[in-house]
Amino acid sequence: MLDTKPSNVPGIGTFKSVLPFHSTRNPVRPSGRGFRGKFSSRKMGRMVRCESLLEMAAVELAEFSRGVVAIDEQPVNITYQLDGKSRRYTPDFRFKWENGEQWYVEVKPLELLNEPANIARFAAIARFFEAQGAAFVVLTERQLKLPVRNKQIKYLLRYMPRVPTAVPVQILQQWCPGHSFSFLEAERMLGGSSQLLGLLAQRTLVCDLDKPRSPDTVVRLFCEGDDHALFA
């Protein structure tokens, strides 16, 4: 049985919490619907199809997450029971994690998530996936429309190395757990901004993505929970 319920991630096994995009085919509505696009995924070695701006943001987040090793769009068709009837459902994505977790992901605007019909529907779908040892995760604009974070992730993805960059042992020893450096200090230690940005892109190092970077931005080693926190 897979461990699919990290407690700090909204929406694992339930939709009830406040959960909830390069060429396009116009028109794109303000909600992001009407969008058709593809994301070039290095993890998958192919283009990943997206059907809304929110979906594109979800794929970018999964690409950036160190622990997500595979992204599959519309991966399965399931039949679940609701009000004594059989219903069919296809999740938007499956995110496979390095530790064996599988997330079946629905990307949905918050206003639609809170509709009574969807509340009952997603509860039944969550029960189905939980019985399979997987997790049902609903992502909305609350996780996916964070302008500063989105901009920083898009920027760092450009520095994602094709082969993971190793940090010299003598430098890594200075980055003991709990120890941090400013962006400027880290840049000097590593010999330039490109090296630092590459390590931030591959998530060997992390910083606060919700504030614009500055010379004083705190940089530290990646630790357990940092990836799940991206989706919270």
Protein backbone atom coordinates (compact mmCIF):
# COMPACT_ATOMS: atom_id res chain seq x y z
CA MET A 1 0.00 0.00 0.00
CA LEU A 2 1.45 3.37 -0.98
CA ASP A 3 1.76 6.18 1.51
CA THR A 4 -0.54 8.71 -0.12
CA LYS A 5 -1.60 11.03 2.66
CA PRO A 6 1.06 13.56 3.69
CA SER A 7 -0.90 15.65 6.13
CA ASN A 8 0.54 19.00 5.05
CA VAL A 9 -0.79 18.79 1.48
CA PRO A 10 -4.36 19.99 0.90
CA GLY A 11 -6.54 17.70 -1.12
CA ILE A 12 -4.79 14.39 -0.53
CA GLY A 13 -7.60 11.87 -0.44
CA THR A 14 -10.20 14.62 -0.30
CA PHE A 15 -11.38 17.59 -2.28
CA LYS A 16 -12.92 19.45 0.64
CA SER A 17 -10.02 21.72 1.49
CA VAL A 18 -9.45 24.94 -0.42
CA LEU A 19 -7.74 23.27 -3.35
CA PRO A 20 -7.99 23.75 -6.54
CA PHE A 21 -0.50 27.45 -18.78
CA HIS A 22 4.00 27.83 -25.66
CA SER A 23 1.56 28.49 -28.29
CA THR A 24 -2.18 28.78 -27.77
CA ARG A 25 -5.34 28.53 -29.78
CA ASN A 26 -7.46 31.61 -29.17
CA PRO A 27 -9.67 32.73 -27.70
CA VAL A 28 -8.52 32.24 -24.12
CA ARG A 29 -11.12 33.32 -21.63
CA PRO A 30 -10.18 35.14 -18.41
CA SER A 31 -10.66 31.86 -16.53
CA GLY A 32 -8.04 30.22 -18.75
CA ARG A 33 -10.56 28.01 -20.51
CA GLY A 34 -10.32 27.79 -24.27
CA PHE A 35 -6.53 27.38 -24.01
CA ARG A 36 -4.74 24.58 -25.83
CA GLY A 37 -1.02 24.24 -25.43
CA LYS A 38 1.96 21.96 -24.86
CA PHE A 39 4.71 22.05 -22.28
CA SER A 40 8.15 20.75 -23.21
CA SER A 41 8.97 18.42 -20.32
CA ARG A 42 12.57 17.34 -19.77
CA LYS A 43 11.39 14.79 -17.23
CA MET A 44 9.15 13.11 -19.78
CA GLY A 45 11.30 13.79 -22.86
CA ARG A 46 8.23 14.95 -24.76
CA MET A 47 5.51 17.58 -24.96
CA VAL A 48 2.83 17.38 -22.27
CA ARG A 49 -0.61 18.54 -23.45
CA CYS A 50 -2.55 21.11 -21.41
CA GLU A 51 -6.14 22.25 -21.87
CA SER A 52 -6.19 25.36 -19.69
CA LEU A 53 -3.86 27.97 -18.26
CA LEU A 54 -4.33 26.36 -14.86
CA GLU A 55 -3.31 22.98 -16.27
CA MET A 56 -0.13 24.51 -17.70
CA ALA A 57 0.68 25.96 -14.29
CA ALA A 58 0.10 22.55 -12.67
CA VAL A 59 2.46 20.86 -15.16
CA GLU A 60 5.13 23.51 -14.58
CA LEU A 61 4.84 22.94 -10.85
CA ALA A 62 5.20 19.18 -11.25
CA GLU A 63 8.19 19.64 -13.60
CA PHE A 64 9.82 21.86 -10.98
CA SER A 65 9.11 19.51 -8.08
CA ARG A 66 12.18 17.44 -7.36
CA GLY A 67 10.24 14.37 -6.22
CA VAL A 68 7.84 14.14 -9.17
CA VAL A 69 9.40 11.76 -11.68
CA ALA A 70 6.59 11.40 -14.24
CA ILE A 71 3.66 13.46 -15.52
CA ASP A 72 0.91 11.72 -17.50
CA GLU A 73 -2.07 13.55 -18.94
CA GLN A 74 -5.52 11.91 -18.81
CA PRO A 75 -3.89 8.68 -17.62
CA VAL A 76 -6.90 6.46 -16.85
CA ASN A 77 -10.66 6.16 -17.21
CA ILE A 78 -12.39 4.96 -14.07
CA THR A 79 -15.92 3.91 -13.16
CA TYR A 80 -17.08 4.93 -9.67
CA GLN A 81 -20.35 4.76 -7.80
CA LEU A 82 -22.44 7.79 -6.82
CA ASP A 83 -26.08 7.77 -5.66
CA GLY A 84 -26.40 4.15 -6.68
CA LYS A 85 -25.28 4.81 -10.24
CA SER A 86 -22.08 4.09 -12.15
CA ARG A 87 -20.25 7.20 -13.31
CA ARG A 88 -17.15 7.65 -15.44
CA TYR A 89 -14.23 9.98 -14.76
CA THR A 90 -10.86 10.81 -16.33
CA PRO A 91 -8.37 12.77 -14.19
CA ASP A 92 -6.43 15.57 -15.82
CA PHE A 93 -3.03 14.19 -14.77
CA ARG A 94 -1.17 11.56 -12.83
CA PHE A 95 1.94 12.70 -10.96
CA LYS A 96 4.24 9.82 -10.02
CA TRP A 97 6.58 10.50 -7.12
CA GLU A 98 10.06 9.12 -6.48
CA ASN A 99 8.88 7.56 -3.21
CA GLY A 100 6.13 5.58 -4.93
CA GLU A 101 3.20 7.92 -4.34
CA GLN A 102 0.73 8.39 -7.17
CA TRP A 103 -1.43 11.51 -7.33
CA TYR A 104 -4.41 11.58 -9.67
CA VAL A 105 -4.92 15.28 -10.25
CA GLU A 106 -7.98 17.33 -11.11
CA VAL A 107 -7.34 20.97 -12.05
CA LYS A 108 -10.46 23.00 -11.39
CA PRO A 109 -11.34 26.68 -10.82
CA LEU A 110 -12.29 27.21 -7.19
CA GLU A 111 -15.78 28.46 -8.05
CA LEU A 112 -16.53 25.14 -9.77
CA LEU A 113 -14.91 23.07 -7.04
CA ASN A 114 -17.39 24.46 -4.52
CA GLU A 115 -20.50 23.57 -6.53
CA PRO A 116 -22.66 21.03 -4.61
CA ALA A 117 -22.65 18.55 -7.51
CA ASN A 118 -18.86 18.58 -7.63
CA ILE A 119 -18.56 18.22 -3.86
CA ALA A 120 -20.37 14.87 -3.90
CA ARG A 121 -18.69 13.78 -7.13
CA PHE A 122 -15.14 14.45 -5.98
CA ALA A 123 -15.77 12.80 -2.61
CA ALA A 124 -16.76 9.60 -4.42
CA ILE A 125 -13.76 9.84 -6.76
CA ALA A 126 -11.44 10.37 -3.79
CA ARG A 127 -12.79 7.22 -2.14
CA PHE A 128 -12.20 5.26 -5.37
CA PHE A 129 -8.53 6.25 -5.64
CA GLU A 130 -7.91 5.82 -1.93
CA ALA A 131 -9.13 2.23 -2.25
CA GLN A 132 -6.50 1.75 -4.99
CA GLY A 133 -3.74 3.01 -2.70
CA ALA A 134 -3.42 6.30 -4.58
CA ALA A 135 -4.36 9.90 -3.86
CA PHE A 136 -6.88 12.22 -5.47
CA VAL A 137 -5.62 15.80 -5.47
CA VAL A 138 -7.60 18.83 -6.62
CA LEU A 139 -5.61 21.95 -7.53
CA THR A 140 -7.19 25.35 -8.02
CA GLU A 141 -5.95 28.88 -8.57
CA ARG A 142 -5.09 29.04 -4.87
CA GLN A 143 -2.10 26.80 -5.60
CA LEU A 144 -1.59 27.62 -9.26
CA LYS A 145 -2.18 31.37 -9.73
CA LEU A 146 0.54 32.91 -7.55
CA PRO A 147 2.13 35.52 -9.82
CA VAL A 148 5.52 35.87 -8.11
CA ARG A 149 5.93 32.12 -7.61
CA ASN A 150 4.78 31.32 -11.15
CA LYS A 151 7.25 33.81 -12.59
CA GLN A 152 10.14 32.45 -10.54
CA ILE A 153 9.39 28.83 -11.43
CA LYS A 154 9.17 29.66 -15.15
CA TYR A 155 12.53 31.44 -14.89
CA LEU A 156 14.27 28.66 -12.96
CA LEU A 157 12.99 25.97 -15.33
CA ARG A 158 15.16 27.59 -18.00
CA TYR A 159 18.19 26.68 -15.86
CA MET A 160 17.14 23.06 -15.27
CA PRO A 161 20.25 21.02 -16.14
CA ARG A 162 19.84 18.00 -18.41
CA VAL A 163 22.18 16.11 -16.07
CA PRO A 164 21.94 16.88 -12.34
CA THR A 165 24.72 19.17 -11.18
CA ALA A 166 26.85 17.88 -8.32
CA VAL A 167 27.95 20.23 -5.57
CA PRO A 168 31.61 19.91 -4.49
CA VAL A 169 31.81 18.14 -1.13
CA GLN A 170 33.79 20.94 0.49
CA ILE A 171 31.02 23.39 -0.37
CA LEU A 172 28.20 21.03 0.50
CA GLN A 173 29.68 20.58 3.97
CA GLN A 174 29.03 24.27 4.62
CA TRP A 175 25.34 23.81 3.76
CA CYS A 176 24.59 21.69 6.78
CA PRO A 177 20.91 21.30 7.66
CA GLY A 178 19.60 24.46 9.23
CA HIS A 179 22.41 26.61 7.83
CA SER A 180 21.58 29.16 5.15
CA PHE A 181 23.29 31.84 3.09
CA SER A 182 22.13 34.94 1.29
CA PHE A 183 21.77 34.72 -2.49
CA LEU A 184 24.87 36.90 -2.86
CA GLU A 185 26.92 34.73 -0.49
CA ALA A 186 25.80 31.55 -2.22
CA GLU A 187 26.62 33.02 -5.62
CA ARG A 188 30.18 33.76 -4.48
CA MET A 189 30.62 30.30 -2.93
CA LEU A 190 29.46 28.54 -6.08
CA GLY A 191 31.35 30.68 -8.54
CA GLY A 192 28.54 32.52 -10.27
CA SER A 193 24.82 33.00 -10.69
CA SER A 194 24.41 30.30 -13.36
CA GLN A 195 25.67 27.60 -11.01
CA LEU A 196 23.41 28.82 -8.22
CA LEU A 197 20.37 29.09 -10.46
CA GLY A 198 21.01 25.58 -11.78
CA LEU A 199 21.06 24.17 -8.26
CA LEU A 200 17.87 26.06 -7.40
CA ALA A 201 16.26 24.73 -10.58
CA GLN A 202 17.09 21.10 -9.74
CA ARG A 203 16.03 21.72 -6.14
CA THR A 204 19.35 20.84 -4.52
CA LEU A 205 18.99 24.29 -3.01
CA VAL A 206 15.76 26.16 -2.29
CA CYS A 207 14.66 29.71 -1.55
CA ASP A 208 11.40 31.55 -0.91
CA LEU A 209 9.58 31.56 -4.24
CA ASP A 210 6.77 33.82 -3.08
CA LYS A 211 8.97 36.92 -2.86
CA PRO A 212 11.08 38.48 -5.64
CA ARG A 213 14.72 37.40 -5.47
CA SER A 214 17.26 39.87 -4.12
CA PRO A 215 20.89 39.69 -2.93
CA ASP A 216 19.49 39.05 0.56
CA THR A 217 17.21 36.16 -0.42
CA VAL A 218 17.88 33.23 1.91
CA VAL A 219 19.16 30.05 0.22
CA ARG A 220 19.35 26.68 1.99
CA LEU A 221 19.54 22.96 1.26
CA PHE A 222 16.44 21.16 0.02
CA CYS A 223 14.78 19.18 2.79
CA GLU A 224 11.96 16.69 3.12
CA GLY A 225 8.60 18.42 2.75
CA ASP A 226 9.78 21.20 0.44
CA ASP A 227 8.16 19.62 -2.63
CA HIS A 228 4.83 18.87 -0.96
CA ALA A 229 4.80 22.45 0.32
CA LEU A 230 4.73 23.66 -3.30
CA PHE A 231 1.24 22.19 -3.66
CA ALA A 232 -0.12 23.34 -0.31
